[in-house]
Amino acid sequence: MDSSVRGVKECRTSLNLLDVKMNKVLEQIVVAGSRREIEGLLAEFRKTFTSVDDQLEALHVLGLRSSNPREKDTCATEVDERRKQFKSLSQEITVAAGQRLSIIAKEDRDELMSGGLNSAPGTRGLVKQQDIVKTSSQVTETLHRMSRNIARNVDQSGEAIKSLVSSSETLTKATDEFQSMSSIIQQGGRLIDKYDRRAFTDKVLITLAFAFFFLVCFYIVNKRLFNGFNWFAFFIEFFFPSQDEPLLIVKSTSSGQTNALRKEL
């Protein structure tokens, strides 16, 4: 099995497990009974959301590295859909935490107020009111801090998406350039092979032309100077003499040519 395909399956499995984990956190926040419990669940949620971002980025990179165009498009679409899904789930968790904190603060305030009314007036009532104000301030500060963290996470997610989109465009352009360069190199190789064949053909033709030229020159010189002497028969008779005739007699030549040759010799 291809390593990229195995990596995509592992990322999908991890994302499914993280989805289950975040839904479980949402269910626990809805029934949480104290502010400390909610803060612990929110810390776990932030850690899980960071893991989700890492897995989505890994899935996006694996999709870009895939050699299958259909798998590449499927991974890109899945990353966008899962990102929207986890963003919606994150907003639900944040809203549920805020509502639950408000409910807990209201319950504490009502309890303190009821305790303050039933108790004797004086210092005890003043302490109860101070505790109520302090608790309300802490709840408000927690809500503001959560709002700032959510806004920061949204900004970071937007920047990460922009970075991934730019990286995807860069990789796509580089792939297109490599493909065009590969086609140009292949065309250049075919042209070089064609020119090599033409160069070999030109060499053969030039050699044949020179051979024909020298043969023509030899024929003209032989015709002018030696009166068309049969050199081929002469060399045959010279290197392979017959038993019946002398060495320098050539049957194919005329008697005048033979006498002239004998005189020259």
Protein backbone atom coordinates (compact mmCIF):
# COMPACT_ATOMS: atom_id res chain seq x y z
CA MET A 1 0.00 0.00 0.00
CA ASP A 2 1.19 3.51 -0.80
CA SER A 3 2.51 5.50 2.15
CA SER A 4 0.45 8.57 1.21
CA VAL A 5 -2.78 6.53 1.17
CA ARG A 6 -1.93 5.01 4.56
CA GLY A 7 -1.17 8.48 5.94
CA VAL A 8 -4.52 9.83 4.69
CA LYS A 9 -6.37 6.97 6.41
CA GLU A 10 -4.50 7.60 9.66
CA CYS A 11 -5.38 11.33 9.53
CA ARG A 12 -9.05 10.54 8.93
CA THR A 13 -9.10 8.11 11.86
CA SER A 14 -7.45 10.69 14.15
CA LEU A 15 -9.94 13.37 13.07
CA ASN A 16 -12.87 11.08 13.82
CA LEU A 17 -11.49 10.35 17.29
CA LEU A 18 -10.94 14.07 17.95
CA ASP A 19 -14.50 14.79 16.82
CA VAL A 20 -15.83 12.26 19.34
CA LYS A 21 -13.62 13.78 22.03
CA MET A 22 -14.85 17.32 21.38
CA ASN A 23 -18.50 16.21 21.45
CA LYS A 24 -17.82 14.52 24.77
CA VAL A 25 -16.31 17.77 26.10
CA LEU A 26 -19.44 19.62 24.95
CA GLU A 27 -21.69 17.16 26.80
CA GLN A 28 -19.61 17.49 29.99
CA ILE A 29 -19.70 21.30 29.83
CA VAL A 30 -23.49 21.30 29.59
CA VAL A 31 -23.81 19.35 32.87
CA ALA A 32 -20.78 20.85 34.66
CA GLY A 33 -21.44 21.93 38.23
CA SER A 34 -18.56 24.33 38.97
CA ARG A 35 -16.48 27.00 37.30
CA ARG A 36 -13.25 25.06 37.93
CA GLU A 37 -14.64 22.02 36.13
CA ILE A 38 -15.61 24.15 33.14
CA GLU A 39 -12.13 25.73 32.99
CA GLY A 40 -10.56 22.25 32.98
CA LEU A 41 -12.86 21.15 30.16
CA LEU A 42 -12.03 24.30 28.17
CA ALA A 43 -8.30 23.62 28.58
CA GLU A 44 -8.86 20.11 27.26
CA PHE A 45 -10.90 21.57 24.40
CA ARG A 46 -8.10 23.98 23.40
CA LYS A 47 -5.58 21.13 23.40
CA THR A 48 -7.89 19.00 21.26
CA PHE A 49 -8.52 21.87 18.84
CA THR A 50 -4.74 22.30 18.38
CA SER A 51 -4.48 18.60 17.50
CA VAL A 52 -7.33 19.05 15.02
CA ASP A 53 -5.44 21.85 13.25
CA ASP A 54 -2.32 19.67 13.04
CA GLN A 55 -4.24 16.72 11.58
CA LEU A 56 -6.05 18.92 9.04
CA GLU A 57 -2.77 20.43 7.90
CA ALA A 58 -1.22 16.96 7.60
CA LEU A 59 -4.21 15.75 5.57
CA HIS A 60 -3.93 18.78 3.28
CA VAL A 61 -0.20 18.18 2.68
CA LEU A 62 -0.76 14.47 1.99
CA GLY A 63 -3.47 15.37 -0.51
CA LEU A 64 -1.11 17.71 -2.33
CA ARG A 65 1.59 15.03 -2.47
CA SER A 66 -0.79 12.40 -3.84
CA SER A 67 -0.17 11.34 -7.45
CA ASN A 68 -3.88 10.67 -7.99
CA PRO A 69 -5.74 13.87 -9.06
CA ARG A 70 -9.07 12.50 -7.78
CA GLU A 71 -7.58 11.72 -4.36
CA LYS A 72 -6.02 15.20 -4.28
CA ASP A 73 -9.39 16.89 -4.93
CA THR A 74 -11.10 14.62 -2.39
CA CYS A 75 -8.59 15.53 0.32
CA ALA A 76 -8.92 19.27 -0.38
CA THR A 77 -12.73 19.08 -0.20
CA GLU A 78 -12.62 16.97 2.98
CA VAL A 79 -10.23 19.41 4.67
CA ASP A 80 -12.57 22.35 3.96
CA GLU A 81 -15.65 20.47 5.18
CA ARG A 82 -13.98 19.20 8.35
CA ARG A 83 -12.57 22.63 9.09
CA LYS A 84 -16.07 24.12 8.92
CA GLN A 85 -17.41 21.26 11.06
CA PHE A 86 -14.81 21.71 13.82
CA LYS A 87 -15.20 25.49 13.71
CA SER A 88 -18.96 25.14 14.24
CA LEU A 89 -18.37 22.64 17.06
CA SER A 90 -15.87 25.02 18.66
CA GLN A 91 -18.42 27.82 18.63
CA GLU A 92 -21.02 25.53 20.20
CA ILE A 93 -18.59 24.58 22.99
CA THR A 94 -17.73 28.23 23.62
CA VAL A 95 -21.37 29.29 23.75
CA ALA A 96 -22.27 26.35 26.00
CA ALA A 97 -19.39 27.18 28.36
CA GLY A 98 -20.47 30.81 28.57
CA GLN A 99 -24.08 29.89 29.22
CA ARG A 100 -23.11 27.32 31.83
CA LEU A 101 -20.81 29.80 33.59
CA SER A 102 -23.63 32.35 33.63
CA ILE A 103 -26.00 29.78 35.09
CA ILE A 104 -23.49 28.76 37.78
CA ALA A 105 -22.80 32.40 38.63
CA LYS A 106 -26.51 33.11 38.87
CA GLU A 107 -27.04 30.09 41.10
CA ASP A 108 -24.17 31.17 43.37
CA ARG A 109 -25.51 34.69 43.47
CA ASP A 110 -29.02 33.53 44.31
CA GLU A 111 -27.66 31.24 46.98
CA LEU A 112 -25.60 34.02 48.49
CA MET A 113 -28.47 36.45 48.30
CA SER A 114 -30.84 34.01 49.96
CA GLY A 115 -28.27 33.28 52.63
CA GLY A 116 -27.73 36.97 53.18
CA LEU A 117 -31.44 37.68 53.56
CA ASN A 118 -32.00 34.84 56.03
CA SER A 119 -29.00 35.80 58.19
CA ALA A 120 -28.76 38.60 60.65
CA PRO A 121 -27.97 42.06 59.25
CA GLY A 122 -24.55 43.50 59.75
CA THR A 123 -21.09 42.35 58.96
CA ARG A 124 -22.16 38.90 57.72
CA GLY A 125 -24.50 40.41 55.11
CA LEU A 126 -21.76 42.74 53.90
CA VAL A 127 -19.32 39.84 53.52
CA LYS A 128 -21.90 37.91 51.52
CA GLN A 129 -22.42 40.85 49.19
CA GLN A 130 -18.67 41.24 48.70
CA ASP A 131 -18.42 37.54 47.83
CA ILE A 132 -21.21 37.93 45.29
CA VAL A 133 -19.48 40.91 43.65
CA LYS A 134 -16.16 39.06 43.61
CA THR A 135 -17.72 35.96 42.04
CA SER A 136 -19.51 38.03 39.43
CA SER A 137 -16.27 39.85 38.55
CA GLN A 138 -14.43 36.55 38.20
CA VAL A 139 -17.13 35.16 35.93
CA THR A 140 -17.08 38.30 33.79
CA GLU A 141 -13.29 38.21 33.54
CA THR A 142 -13.39 34.53 32.56
CA LEU A 143 -15.92 35.25 29.84
CA HIS A 144 -13.80 38.11 28.48
CA ARG A 145 -10.71 35.91 28.50
CA MET A 146 -12.57 33.16 26.68
CA SER A 147 -13.83 35.67 24.11
CA ARG A 148 -10.28 36.92 23.48
CA ASN A 149 -8.96 33.36 23.15
CA ILE A 150 -11.69 32.47 20.70
CA ALA A 151 -10.99 35.56 18.60
CA ARG A 152 -7.27 34.76 18.61
CA ASN A 153 -7.93 31.16 17.60
CA VAL A 154 -10.19 32.32 14.77
CA ASP A 155 -7.51 34.73 13.52
CA GLN A 156 -4.85 32.01 13.68
CA SER A 157 -7.10 29.60 11.82
CA GLY A 158 -7.73 32.23 9.12
CA GLU A 159 -4.00 32.86 8.72
CA ALA A 160 -3.33 29.11 8.56
CA ILE A 161 -5.96 28.70 5.86
CA LYS A 162 -4.45 31.56 3.83
CA SER A 163 -0.99 30.04 4.21
CA LEU A 164 -2.24 26.62 3.10
CA VAL A 165 -4.03 28.13 0.10
CA SER A 166 -0.90 30.03 -0.97
CA SER A 167 1.22 26.90 -0.50
CA SER A 168 -1.25 24.88 -2.57
CA GLU A 169 -1.15 27.46 -5.37
CA THR A 170 2.67 27.50 -5.29
CA LEU A 171 2.86 23.72 -5.47
CA THR A 172 0.35 23.65 -8.33
CA LYS A 173 2.35 26.23 -10.30
CA ALA A 174 5.61 24.35 -9.65
CA THR A 175 4.00 21.09 -10.83
CA ASP A 176 2.77 22.75 -14.02
CA GLU A 177 6.22 24.24 -14.67
CA PHE A 178 7.91 20.87 -14.12
CA GLN A 179 5.49 19.19 -16.51
CA SER A 180 6.08 21.83 -19.20
CA MET A 181 9.86 21.54 -18.72
CA SER A 182 9.63 17.76 -18.99
CA SER A 183 7.74 18.00 -22.28
CA ILE A 184 10.29 20.52 -23.61
CA ILE A 185 13.19 18.23 -22.62
CA GLN A 186 11.52 15.27 -24.36
CA GLN A 187 11.03 17.33 -27.53
CA GLY A 188 14.66 18.44 -27.37
CA GLY A 189 15.81 14.83 -27.04
CA ARG A 190 13.78 13.82 -30.09
CA LEU A 191 15.22 16.73 -32.11
CA ILE A 192 18.78 15.79 -31.09
CA ASP A 193 18.22 12.19 -32.21
CA LYS A 194 16.78 13.43 -35.49
CA TYR A 195 19.78 15.71 -36.10
CA ASP A 196 22.17 12.86 -35.29
CA ARG A 197 20.52 10.67 -37.92
CA ARG A 198 20.66 13.49 -40.42
CA ALA A 199 24.33 14.08 -39.68
CA PHE A 200 25.11 10.39 -40.27
CA THR A 201 23.14 10.46 -43.55
CA ASP A 202 25.02 13.60 -44.64
CA LYS A 203 28.37 11.93 -43.92
CA VAL A 204 27.40 8.89 -46.01
CA LEU A 205 26.23 11.07 -48.89
CA ILE A 206 29.37 13.21 -48.77
CA THR A 207 31.55 10.07 -48.79
CA LEU A 208 29.67 8.69 -51.78
CA ALA A 209 29.94 12.02 -53.56
CA PHE A 210 33.73 12.14 -53.03
CA ALA A 211 34.06 8.53 -54.22
CA PHE A 212 32.05 9.30 -57.35
CA PHE A 213 34.12 12.46 -57.97
CA PHE A 214 37.43 10.57 -57.69
CA LEU A 215 36.14 7.82 -59.96
CA VAL A 216 35.11 10.39 -62.55
CA CYS A 217 38.51 12.11 -62.28
CA PHE A 218 40.28 8.76 -62.60
CA TYR A 219 38.19 7.87 -65.65
CA ILE A 220 38.98 11.19 -67.34
CA VAL A 221 42.71 10.95 -66.60
CA ASN A 222 42.81 7.35 -67.81
CA LYS A 223 40.93 8.28 -70.97
CA ARG A 224 43.20 11.26 -71.72
CA LEU A 225 46.61 9.91 -70.77
CA PHE A 226 46.36 6.16 -71.11
CA ASN A 227 43.85 5.98 -73.97
CA GLY A 228 41.32 4.05 -71.86
CA PHE A 229 43.74 1.44 -70.59
CA ASN A 230 42.05 -1.44 -68.72
CA TRP A 231 43.75 -1.17 -65.36
CA PHE A 232 41.48 -3.70 -63.71
CA ALA A 233 42.45 -6.45 -66.15
CA PHE A 234 46.08 -5.39 -65.88
CA PHE A 235 46.14 -5.76 -62.09
CA ILE A 236 44.31 -9.09 -62.30
CA GLU A 237 46.83 -10.40 -64.77
CA PHE A 238 49.71 -8.94 -62.76
CA PHE A 239 48.74 -10.46 -59.42
CA PHE A 240 47.21 -13.64 -60.84
CA PRO A 241 49.23 -14.56 -63.98
CA SER A 242 47.93 -17.30 -66.22
CA GLN A 243 49.97 -20.41 -67.16
CA ASP A 244 49.57 -20.14 -70.91
CA GLU A 245 50.36 -16.45 -71.62
CA PRO A 246 53.15 -14.11 -70.59
CA LEU A 247 52.82 -11.90 -67.55
CA LEU A 248 52.30 -8.58 -69.31
CA ILE A 249 49.84 -9.69 -72.02
CA VAL A 250 46.25 -8.71 -71.29
CA LYS A 251 43.54 -10.24 -73.43
CA SER A 252 41.06 -7.41 -73.12
CA THR A 253 43.43 -4.74 -74.39
CA SER A 254 44.11 -4.11 -78.03
CA SER A 255 47.41 -5.02 -79.63
CA GLY A 256 48.30 -1.35 -80.02
CA GLN A 257 47.76 -0.66 -76.34
CA THR A 258 49.80 -3.74 -75.41
CA ASN A 259 52.70 -2.68 -77.66
CA ALA A 260 52.59 0.83 -76.24
CA LEU A 261 52.67 -0.59 -72.77
CA ARG A 262 55.60 -2.86 -73.66
CA LYS A 263 57.52 0.08 -75.09
CA GLU A 264 56.92 2.08 -71.97
CA LEU A 265 58.11 -0.83 -69.85
